[in-house]
């Protein structure tokens, strides 16, 4: 990025260095995404009365005769759990830069 642009942004925002501000903004965006995944996990935990690991271990999809709703929930829940883990790792890495 052009140094004149960076200088202007630093003056507008009132925070230096701008690279730290960018890292903070990235962390905030990741936390927003994380909260969405946590919300999905919480909804599914309430719906099925168990954690995702228990859901998998008890093979609830088969128990519910592979219904579209349960299979869809499985996919959404699995994506949310993976997202939670991935985003937490990214946040840790970014926080080390501050």
Protein backbone atom coordinates (compact mmCIF):
# COMPACT_ATOMS: atom_id res chain seq x y z
CA UNK A 1 0.00 0.00 0.00
CA UNK A 2 1.21 3.48 -0.84
CA UNK A 3 2.94 5.13 2.14
CA UNK A 4 0.99 8.37 1.61
CA UNK A 5 -2.27 6.41 1.88
CA UNK A 6 -1.05 4.66 5.04
CA UNK A 7 -0.04 7.99 6.56
CA UNK A 8 -3.45 9.48 5.74
CA UNK A 9 -5.25 6.49 7.25
CA UNK A 10 -3.12 6.72 10.40
CA UNK A 11 -4.04 10.39 10.75
CA UNK A 12 -7.76 9.73 10.21
CA UNK A 13 -7.89 6.79 12.59
CA UNK A 14 -5.46 8.28 15.07
CA UNK A 15 -3.64 5.03 15.66
CA UNK A 16 -0.14 4.00 14.71
CA UNK A 17 1.17 1.77 13.35
CA UNK A 18 -1.53 0.96 10.84
CA UNK A 19 -0.42 -2.68 10.56
CA UNK A 20 -1.47 -3.30 14.18
CA UNK A 21 -4.84 -1.71 13.43
CA UNK A 22 -5.30 -4.04 10.45
CA UNK A 23 -4.48 -7.07 12.61
CA UNK A 24 -7.01 -5.90 15.21
CA UNK A 25 -9.65 -5.48 12.50
CA UNK A 26 -8.96 -8.99 11.21
CA UNK A 27 -9.25 -10.41 14.72
CA UNK A 28 -12.58 -8.62 15.21
CA UNK A 29 -13.93 -9.98 11.93
CA UNK A 30 -12.83 -13.51 12.86
CA UNK A 31 -14.53 -13.15 16.25
CA UNK A 32 -17.74 -12.16 14.46
CA UNK A 33 -17.52 -15.27 12.28
CA UNK A 34 -16.71 -17.37 15.34
CA UNK A 35 -19.83 -16.15 17.11
CA UNK A 36 -21.95 -17.30 14.15
CA UNK A 37 -20.45 -20.79 14.31
CA UNK A 38 -20.89 -20.92 18.09
CA UNK A 39 -24.53 -19.94 17.65
CA UNK A 40 -25.05 -22.85 15.21
CA UNK A 41 -23.36 -25.24 17.66
CA UNK A 42 -25.57 -24.01 20.52
CA UNK A 43 -28.77 -24.35 18.46
CA UNK A 44 -27.86 -27.90 17.46
CA UNK A 45 -26.89 -28.85 21.03
CA UNK A 46 -30.31 -27.70 22.22
CA UNK A 47 -32.14 -29.34 19.34
CA UNK A 48 -30.54 -32.76 19.86
CA UNK A 49 -29.68 -32.52 23.55
CA UNK A 50 -26.04 -33.51 23.02
CA UNK A 51 -22.70 -32.39 21.62
CA UNK A 52 -21.67 -32.99 18.02
CA UNK A 53 -19.29 -35.75 19.11
CA UNK A 54 -22.13 -37.54 20.91
CA UNK A 55 -24.38 -37.01 17.87
CA UNK A 56 -21.79 -38.71 15.66
CA UNK A 57 -21.01 -41.49 18.14
CA UNK A 58 -24.69 -42.36 18.56
CA UNK A 59 -25.12 -42.31 14.77
CA UNK A 60 -28.24 -40.18 15.03
CA UNK A 61 -28.42 -39.77 11.24
CA UNK A 62 -28.94 -43.51 10.82
CA UNK A 63 -31.25 -43.65 13.84
CA UNK A 64 -33.47 -41.00 12.20
CA UNK A 65 -33.54 -42.99 8.93
CA UNK A 66 -31.27 -40.58 7.06
CA UNK A 67 -33.92 -37.88 6.94
CA UNK A 68 -33.01 -34.80 4.94
CA UNK A 69 -33.33 -32.55 8.00
CA UNK A 70 -31.01 -34.63 10.16
CA UNK A 71 -28.43 -35.07 7.40
CA UNK A 72 -28.55 -31.35 6.70
CA UNK A 73 -28.14 -30.59 10.41
CA UNK A 74 -25.18 -32.97 10.52
CA UNK A 75 -23.46 -31.13 7.66
CA UNK A 76 -24.18 -27.68 9.10
CA UNK A 77 -23.06 -28.74 12.56
CA UNK A 78 -19.87 -30.35 11.29
CA UNK A 79 -19.07 -27.19 9.33
CA UNK A 80 -19.67 -25.08 12.45
CA UNK A 81 -17.40 -27.24 14.62
CA UNK A 82 -14.65 -27.13 12.00
CA UNK A 83 -15.13 -23.37 11.67
CA UNK A 84 -14.86 -22.87 15.43
CA UNK A 85 -11.57 -24.77 15.58
CA UNK A 86 -10.10 -23.13 12.49
CA UNK A 87 -11.03 -19.59 13.50
CA UNK A 88 -9.69 -20.05 17.04
CA UNK A 89 -6.34 -21.11 15.54
CA UNK A 90 -6.28 -18.07 13.22
CA UNK A 91 -7.08 -15.70 16.09
CA UNK A 92 -4.24 -17.15 18.19
CA UNK A 93 -1.79 -16.64 15.33
CA UNK A 94 -2.93 -13.07 14.74
CA UNK A 95 -2.85 -12.19 18.44
CA UNK A 96 0.85 -13.14 18.48
CA UNK A 97 1.44 -10.32 16.00
CA UNK A 98 0.19 -7.65 18.40
